[in-house]
Structures are given as C-alpha cells and as structure tokens.
C-alpha atoms as a PDB file:
ATOM      1  CA  UNK A   1      78.751  79.586  90.513  1.00  0.00           C
ATOM      2  CA  UNK A   2      75.813  81.966  89.900  1.00  0.00           C
ATOM      3  CA  UNK A   3      77.426  84.975  91.584  1.00  0.00           C
ATOM      4  CA  UNK A   4      77.970  87.850  89.126  1.00  0.00           C
ATOM      5  CA  UNK A   5      81.596  88.463  88.215  1.00  0.00           C
ATOM      6  CA  UNK A   6      81.601  91.966  89.721  1.00  0.00           C
ATOM      7  CA  UNK A   7      80.577  90.477  93.082  1.00  0.00           C
ATOM      8  CA  UNK A   8      83.605  88.158  93.258  1.00  0.00           C
ATOM      9  CA  UNK A   9      87.056  88.739  94.730  1.00  0.00           C
ATOM     10  CA  UNK A  10      90.132  86.614  94.030  1.00  0.00           C
ATOM     11  CA  UNK A  11      93.082  86.124  96.338  1.00  0.00           C
ATOM     12  CA  UNK A  12      96.163  87.693  94.681  1.00  0.00           C
ATOM     13  CA  UNK A  13      98.419  84.890  95.964  1.00  0.00           C
ATOM     14  CA  UNK A  14      96.548  81.586  95.671  1.00  0.00           C
ATOM     15  CA  UNK A  15      93.719  82.631  93.289  1.00  0.00           C
ATOM     16  CA  UNK A  16      91.004  81.373  95.614  1.00  0.00           C
ATOM     17  CA  UNK A  17      87.668  82.897  94.607  1.00  0.00           C
ATOM     18  CA  UNK A  18      85.186  84.358  97.084  1.00  0.00           C
ATOM     19  CA  UNK A  19      81.975  86.335  97.058  1.00  0.00           C
ATOM     20  CA  UNK A  20      82.897  89.976  97.713  1.00  0.00           C
ATOM     21  CA  UNK A  21      82.751  90.438 101.496  1.00  0.00           C
ATOM     22  CA  UNK A  22      80.886  93.143 103.366  1.00  0.00           C
ATOM     23  CA  UNK A  23      83.798  94.556 105.334  1.00  0.00           C
ATOM     24  CA  UNK A  24      83.351  97.520 107.635  1.00  0.00           C
ATOM     25  CA  UNK A  25      86.026 100.063 108.544  1.00  0.00           C
ATOM     26  CA  UNK A  26      88.595  98.481 110.837  1.00  0.00           C
ATOM     27  CA  UNK A  27      87.674  94.912 109.836  1.00  0.00           C
ATOM     28  CA  UNK A  28      89.622  92.539 107.603  1.00  0.00           C
ATOM     29  CA  UNK A  29      88.683  89.873 105.074  1.00  0.00           C
ATOM     30  CA  UNK A  30      91.301  87.097 104.974  1.00  0.00           C
ATOM     31  CA  UNK A  31      91.770  84.255 102.508  1.00  0.00           C
ATOM     32  CA  UNK A  32      90.907  80.936 104.154  1.00  0.00           C
ATOM     33  CA  UNK A  33      93.518  79.087 102.107  1.00  0.00           C
ATOM     34  CA  UNK A  34      96.684  81.218 102.446  1.00  0.00           C
ATOM     35  CA  UNK A  35      95.598  83.850 105.007  1.00  0.00           C
ATOM     36  CA  UNK A  36      96.342  86.777 102.684  1.00  0.00           C
ATOM     37  CA  UNK A  37      94.444  89.946 103.553  1.00  0.00           C
ATOM     38  CA  UNK A  38      91.858  90.482 100.811  1.00  0.00           C
ATOM     39  CA  UNK A  39      90.271  93.687 102.088  1.00  0.00           C
ATOM     40  CA  UNK A  40      91.046  96.034 104.956  1.00  0.00           C
ATOM     41  CA  UNK A  41      89.144  99.332 104.772  1.00  0.00           C
ATOM     42  CA  UNK A  42      90.137 101.981 107.297  1.00  0.00           C
ATOM     43  CA  UNK A  43      88.729 105.329 108.335  1.00  0.00           C
ATOM     44  CA  UNK A  44      90.435 108.185 106.456  1.00  0.00           C
ATOM     45  CA  UNK A  45      92.611 105.676 104.595  1.00  0.00           C
ATOM     46  CA  UNK A  46      92.251 107.617 101.344  1.00  0.00           C
ATOM     47  CA  UNK A  47      93.694 110.826 102.788  1.00  0.00           C
ATOM     48  CA  UNK A  48      96.501 108.853 104.410  1.00  0.00           C
ATOM     49  CA  UNK A  49      97.374 107.146 101.114  1.00  0.00           C
ATOM     50  CA  UNK A  50      97.390 110.485  99.278  1.00  0.00           C
ATOM     51  CA  UNK A  51      99.611 112.106 101.935  1.00  0.00           C
ATOM     52  CA  UNK A  52     102.054 109.185 101.846  1.00  0.00           C
ATOM     53  CA  UNK A  53     102.134 109.149  98.031  1.00  0.00           C
ATOM     54  CA  UNK A  54     102.856 112.893  97.921  1.00  0.00           C
ATOM     55  CA  UNK A  55     105.582 112.510 100.546  1.00  0.00           C
ATOM     56  CA  UNK A  56     107.195 109.655  98.622  1.00  0.00           C
ATOM     57  CA  UNK A  57     107.046 111.574  95.323  1.00  0.00           C
ATOM     58  CA  UNK A  58     108.680 114.663  96.866  1.00  0.00           C
ATOM     59  CA  UNK A  59     111.407 112.545  98.475  1.00  0.00           C
ATOM     60  CA  UNK A  60     112.061 110.754  95.197  1.00  0.00           C
ATOM     61  CA  UNK A  61     112.397 113.939  93.137  1.00  0.00           C
ATOM     62  CA  UNK A  62     114.610 115.584  95.778  1.00  0.00           C
ATOM     63  CA  UNK A  63     116.803 112.478  96.021  1.00  0.00           C
ATOM     64  CA  UNK A  64     117.482 112.442  92.282  1.00  0.00           C
ATOM     65  CA  UNK A  65     119.243 115.804  92.329  1.00  0.00           C
ATOM     66  CA  UNK A  66     120.852 115.658  95.793  1.00  0.00           C
ATOM     67  CA  UNK A  67     124.319 114.194  96.455  1.00  0.00           C
ATOM     68  CA  UNK A  68     123.997 110.449  96.871  1.00  0.00           C
ATOM     69  CA  UNK A  69     127.563 109.544  97.699  1.00  0.00           C
ATOM     70  CA  UNK A  70     130.703 111.363  98.809  1.00  0.00           C
ATOM     71  CA  UNK A  71     134.108 109.809  98.064  1.00  0.00           C
ATOM     72  CA  UNK A  72     137.383 111.016  99.523  1.00  0.00           C
ATOM     73  CA  UNK A  73     140.675 109.580  98.257  1.00  0.00           C
ATOM     74  CA  UNK A  74     144.181 111.042  98.557  1.00  0.00           C
ATOM     75  CA  UNK A  75     142.825 114.404  99.598  1.00  0.00           C
ATOM     76  CA  UNK A  76     140.387 114.622  96.680  1.00  0.00           C
ATOM     77  CA  UNK A  77     136.692 114.828  97.509  1.00  0.00           C
ATOM     78  CA  UNK A  78     133.908 114.130  95.047  1.00  0.00           C
ATOM     79  CA  UNK A  79     130.132 114.108  95.391  1.00  0.00           C
ATOM     80  CA  UNK A  80     127.779 112.509  92.901  1.00  0.00           C
ATOM     81  CA  UNK A  81     124.022 112.448  92.493  1.00  0.00           C
ATOM     82  CA  UNK A  82     122.096 109.650  90.830  1.00  0.00           C
ATOM     83  CA  UNK A  83     121.646 111.716  87.656  1.00  0.00           C
ATOM     84  CA  UNK A  84     125.366 112.608  87.577  1.00  0.00           C
ATOM     85  CA  UNK A  85     126.278 108.939  87.864  1.00  0.00           C
ATOM     86  CA  UNK A  86     123.813 107.833  85.187  1.00  0.00           C
ATOM     87  CA  UNK A  87     125.280 110.162  82.560  1.00  0.00           C
ATOM     88  CA  UNK A  88     128.929 109.600  83.477  1.00  0.00           C
ATOM     89  CA  UNK A  89     129.114 106.358  81.504  1.00  0.00           C
ATOM     90  CA  UNK A  90     128.836 105.698  77.779  1.00  0.00           C
ATOM     91  CA  UNK A  91     128.084 102.744  75.566  1.00  0.00           C
ATOM     92  CA  UNK A  92     126.610  99.645  77.223  1.00  0.00           C
ATOM     93  CA  UNK A  93     127.227 101.107  80.693  1.00  0.00           C
ATOM     94  CA  UNK A  94     125.043 104.101  79.794  1.00  0.00           C
ATOM     95  CA  UNK A  95     122.204 101.723  78.915  1.00  0.00           C
ATOM     96  CA  UNK A  96     122.682  99.953  82.239  1.00  0.00           C
ATOM     97  CA  UNK A  97     122.704 103.268  84.138  1.00  0.00           C
ATOM     98  CA  UNK A  98     119.511 104.406  82.413  1.00  0.00           C
ATOM     99  CA  UNK A  99     117.843 101.104  83.273  1.00  0.00           C
ATOM    100  CA  UNK A 100     118.828 101.536  86.919  1.00  0.00           C
ATOM    101  CA  UNK A 101     117.403 105.073  86.947  1.00  0.00           C
ATOM    102  CA  UNK A 102     114.251 103.746  85.316  1.00  0.00           C
ATOM    103  CA  UNK A 103     113.699 101.056  87.924  1.00  0.00           C
ATOM    104  CA  UNK A 104     114.527 103.182  90.976  1.00  0.00           C
ATOM    105  CA  UNK A 105     113.163 106.580  89.893  1.00  0.00           C
ATOM    106  CA  UNK A 106     110.922 106.603  86.809  1.00  0.00           C
ATOM    107  CA  UNK A 107     108.783 103.547  87.586  1.00  0.00           C
ATOM    108  CA  UNK A 108     108.258 104.333  91.309  1.00  0.00           C
ATOM    109  CA  UNK A 109     107.414 107.961  90.498  1.00  0.00           C
ATOM    110  CA  UNK A 110     105.023 106.901  87.737  1.00  0.00           C
ATOM    111  CA  UNK A 111     103.290 104.512  90.111  1.00  0.00           C
ATOM    112  CA  UNK A 112     102.909 107.207  92.785  1.00  0.00           C
ATOM    113  CA  UNK A 113     101.512 109.717  90.294  1.00  0.00           C
ATOM    114  CA  UNK A 114      99.043 107.153  88.941  1.00  0.00           C
ATOM    115  CA  UNK A 115      97.894 106.401  92.481  1.00  0.00           C
ATOM    116  CA  UNK A 116      97.354 110.104  93.155  1.00  0.00           C
ATOM    117  CA  UNK A 117      95.481 110.457  89.864  1.00  0.00           C
ATOM    118  CA  UNK A 118      93.098 107.704  90.936  1.00  0.00           C
ATOM    119  CA  UNK A 119      92.755 108.490  94.642  1.00  0.00           C
ATOM    120  CA  UNK A 120      92.247 112.276  94.707  1.00  0.00           C
ATOM    121  CA  UNK A 121      88.830 112.326  92.947  1.00  0.00           C
ATOM    122  CA  UNK A 122      87.627 109.351  95.038  1.00  0.00           C
ATOM    123  CA  UNK A 123      88.600 110.986  98.338  1.00  0.00           C
ATOM    124  CA  UNK A 124      86.971 114.268  97.270  1.00  0.00           C
ATOM    125  CA  UNK A 125      83.708 112.437  96.597  1.00  0.00           C
ATOM    126  CA  UNK A 126      83.780 113.070  92.859  1.00  0.00           C
ATOM    127  CA  UNK A 127      83.377 110.752  89.894  1.00  0.00           C
ATOM    128  CA  UNK A 128      86.511 108.740  89.082  1.00  0.00           C
ATOM    129  CA  UNK A 129      88.981 110.413  86.740  1.00  0.00           C
ATOM    130  CA  UNK A 130      89.049 109.483  83.073  1.00  0.00           C
ATOM    131  CA  UNK A 131      90.570 106.024  82.562  1.00  0.00           C
ATOM    132  CA  UNK A 132      91.026 105.698  86.335  1.00  0.00           C
ATOM    133  CA  UNK A 133      90.640 101.912  86.182  1.00  0.00           C
ATOM    134  CA  UNK A 134      93.427 101.635  83.610  1.00  0.00           C
ATOM    135  CA  UNK A 135      95.622 103.981  85.651  1.00  0.00           C
ATOM    136  CA  UNK A 136      95.130 101.951  88.838  1.00  0.00           C
ATOM    137  CA  UNK A 137      95.744  98.714  86.950  1.00  0.00           C
ATOM    138  CA  UNK A 138      99.066 100.104  85.714  1.00  0.00           C
ATOM    139  CA  UNK A 139      99.939 101.338  89.201  1.00  0.00           C
ATOM    140  CA  UNK A 140      99.469  97.813  90.521  1.00  0.00           C
ATOM    141  CA  UNK A 141     101.348  96.278  87.580  1.00  0.00           C
ATOM    142  CA  UNK A 142     104.369  98.519  88.249  1.00  0.00           C
ATOM    143  CA  UNK A 143     104.475  97.687  91.951  1.00  0.00           C
ATOM    144  CA  UNK A 144     106.858  94.670  91.670  1.00  0.00           C
ATOM    145  CA  UNK A 145     109.126  96.651  89.314  1.00  0.00           C
ATOM    146  CA  UNK A 146     109.609  99.648  91.621  1.00  0.00           C
ATOM    147  CA  UNK A 147     112.954  98.697  93.109  1.00  0.00           C
ATOM    148  CA  UNK A 148     114.040 101.599  95.300  1.00  0.00           C
ATOM    149  CA  UNK A 149     114.433  99.300  98.310  1.00  0.00           C
ATOM    150  CA  UNK A 150     116.598  96.866  96.324  1.00  0.00           C
ATOM    151  CA  UNK A 151     118.772  99.774  95.236  1.00  0.00           C
ATOM    152  CA  UNK A 152     119.258 101.037  98.805  1.00  0.00           C
ATOM    153  CA  UNK A 153     120.191  97.588 100.106  1.00  0.00           C
ATOM    154  CA  UNK A 154     122.512  96.927  97.158  1.00  0.00           C
ATOM    155  CA  UNK A 155     124.314 100.252  97.619  1.00  0.00           C
ATOM    156  CA  UNK A 156     124.770  99.680 101.332  1.00  0.00           C
ATOM    157  CA  UNK A 157     126.279  96.229 100.758  1.00  0.00           C
ATOM    158  CA  UNK A 158     128.535  97.408  97.914  1.00  0.00           C
ATOM    159  CA  UNK A 159     129.835 100.414  99.844  1.00  0.00           C
ATOM    160  CA  UNK A 160     130.711  98.298 102.857  1.00  0.00           C
ATOM    161  CA  UNK A 161     132.837  96.080 100.610  1.00  0.00           C
ATOM    162  CA  UNK A 162     134.787  98.981  99.066  1.00  0.00           C
ATOM    163  CA  UNK A 163     135.137 101.034 102.259  1.00  0.00           C
ATOM    164  CA  UNK A 164     138.794 100.004 102.597  1.00  0.00           C
ATOM    165  CA  UNK A 165     139.702 101.559  99.237  1.00  0.00           C
ATOM    166  CA  UNK A 166     138.486 105.087  99.965  1.00  0.00           C
ATOM    167  CA  UNK A 167     136.622 107.144 102.530  1.00  0.00           C
ATOM    168  CA  UNK A 168     132.958 106.874 101.638  1.00  0.00           C
ATOM    169  CA  UNK A 169     129.975 108.605 103.150  1.00  0.00           C
ATOM    170  CA  UNK A 170     126.317 108.617 102.277  1.00  0.00           C
ATOM    171  CA  UNK A 171     124.855 111.877 101.041  1.00  0.00           C
ATOM    172  CA  UNK A 172     121.360 113.281 101.663  1.00  0.00           C
ATOM    173  CA  UNK A 173     119.935 111.344  98.700  1.00  0.00           C
ATOM    174  CA  UNK A 174     120.746 107.979 100.278  1.00  0.00           C
ATOM    175  CA  UNK A 175     118.867 108.857 103.453  1.00  0.00           C
ATOM    176  CA  UNK A 176     115.988 110.218 101.367  1.00  0.00           C
ATOM    177  CA  UNK A 177     115.816 106.878  99.587  1.00  0.00           C
ATOM    178  CA  UNK A 178     115.918 105.087 102.932  1.00  0.00           C
ATOM    179  CA  UNK A 179     112.983 107.154 104.233  1.00  0.00           C
ATOM    180  CA  UNK A 180     111.266 106.710 100.871  1.00  0.00           C
ATOM    181  CA  UNK A 181     111.360 102.922 101.224  1.00  0.00           C
ATOM    182  CA  UNK A 182     109.716 103.149 104.656  1.00  0.00           C
ATOM    183  CA  UNK A 183     107.056 105.573 103.393  1.00  0.00           C
ATOM    184  CA  UNK A 184     106.235 103.353 100.402  1.00  0.00           C
ATOM    185  CA  UNK A 185     105.896 100.295 102.646  1.00  0.00           C
ATOM    186  CA  UNK A 186     103.448 102.180 104.879  1.00  0.00           C
ATOM    187  CA  UNK A 187     101.643 103.475 101.777  1.00  0.00           C
ATOM    188  CA  UNK A 188     101.170  99.950 100.426  1.00  0.00           C
ATOM    189  CA  UNK A 189      99.975  98.719 103.824  1.00  0.00           C
ATOM    190  CA  UNK A 190      97.316 101.446 104.009  1.00  0.00           C
ATOM    191  CA  UNK A 191      96.132 101.067 100.409  1.00  0.00           C
ATOM    192  CA  UNK A 192      93.125  98.729 100.343  1.00  0.00           C
ATOM    193  CA  UNK A 193      92.929  97.703  96.711  1.00  0.00           C
ATOM    194  CA  UNK A 194      89.515  96.079  97.095  1.00  0.00           C
ATOM    195  CA  UNK A 195      88.112  99.373  98.403  1.00  0.00           C
ATOM    196  CA  UNK A 196      89.623 101.313  95.505  1.00  0.00           C
ATOM    197  CA  UNK A 197      88.272  98.909  92.891  1.00  0.00           C
ATOM    198  CA  UNK A 198      84.861  98.998  94.548  1.00  0.00           C
ATOM    199  CA  UNK A 199      84.856 102.815  94.460  1.00  0.00           C
ATOM    200  CA  UNK A 200      85.891 102.811  90.794  1.00  0.00           C
ATOM    201  CA  UNK A 201      83.111 100.370  89.910  1.00  0.00           C
ATOM    202  CA  UNK A 202      80.571 102.657  91.498  1.00  0.00           C
END
C-alpha cells in the first residue's frame, strides 16, 4: 500500500485498515468488516465534549466527599463517604480500598482532565497544548480502566442482598455517580477520536 501512514485509519475493533475518509459534519465513516464507527464529526462537538467533561469532573469530586451510604441499625444511624470508607480499613483491606478509589475516582478524573487539556486549545482555535498527543493517548488508554459504572452496579447489587440486615439508603454521592455514568457515556459518544487526532496532527 502506497498510502502514507498519516493518511490511514485503523478500526479499533477488527484492525481493518482504510485510507482516512473525508467525512463532513453529521456524516459517519463505518468499518465495512465489523460496522464500528470510525469517524463521526459533529457541529460544535468540541464544546459539547468540554462541557460534558467538566460536568463529569465536578460530579466526581463532589461525590467523593458527599455521603454515599446511610445505614440504620437498632436505632443507630451512620453515613459514610467513599473517602471515609477507604481509610476505615487497615492492612490488606486498606490496599484494596485504595485500589477501588483509584479505579473509580483517580483514573476517571485523570482521564477527564487529560481530555480537557487536549480539547480546550483545539476548540479555541489555538495550537495544541504541549505533549497533547501523549495526553490524549493516555486518556484513551485509561478509558477501559475507568470503572465508575462497574462500581455503581456492584454497589446496587450488594446493597439489595444485605437490605434485610439493616435499613440502607443511598446518599447523594450514589446518585452523583449514577448521573456521572450517564454523562460519561454521552461524553464518549460525542468524542470523535479521529477528528481529535486529525486536529493534533495539524
């Protein structure tokens, strides 16, 4: 194939290789083999991605310090935030708690901040930020490891199973995480990675 490497695009799922398409706003380029969307530029997508990333980051920070769960047993009420829970344990359980906080808070927040670092100069029509390509590469690498949605589902299932032992109720942080998951899903749907890489190459 004589096509220059920078003019090629690979499907992220089946690795099929194509010449970079000329896709206009509102159009889509789809892999012929597995039908994965390769590019989907949209009007004002950059501003939408930035707004969603900021919203998700604010929700995530607020959720960390807000009550996540309220437990009532024998007339005793107790509320706990994610940070309170993480530092309640010691020994191996402390390591496990810190890992959970890392996967549901630190990694998602890092990914959102990296995305903002890359997107803001592009949307403002300026030159890409220093090491923007590396930052966006890391943001994409961290995507599978940002597990806020897994955490929300796991907590919901676990609390249903122990509901007979005590009176449990979700605090504001749980609902923030629930909204966060929805916002992140919309954010990922709006983010056209091909468009971002193209802008960074320019």
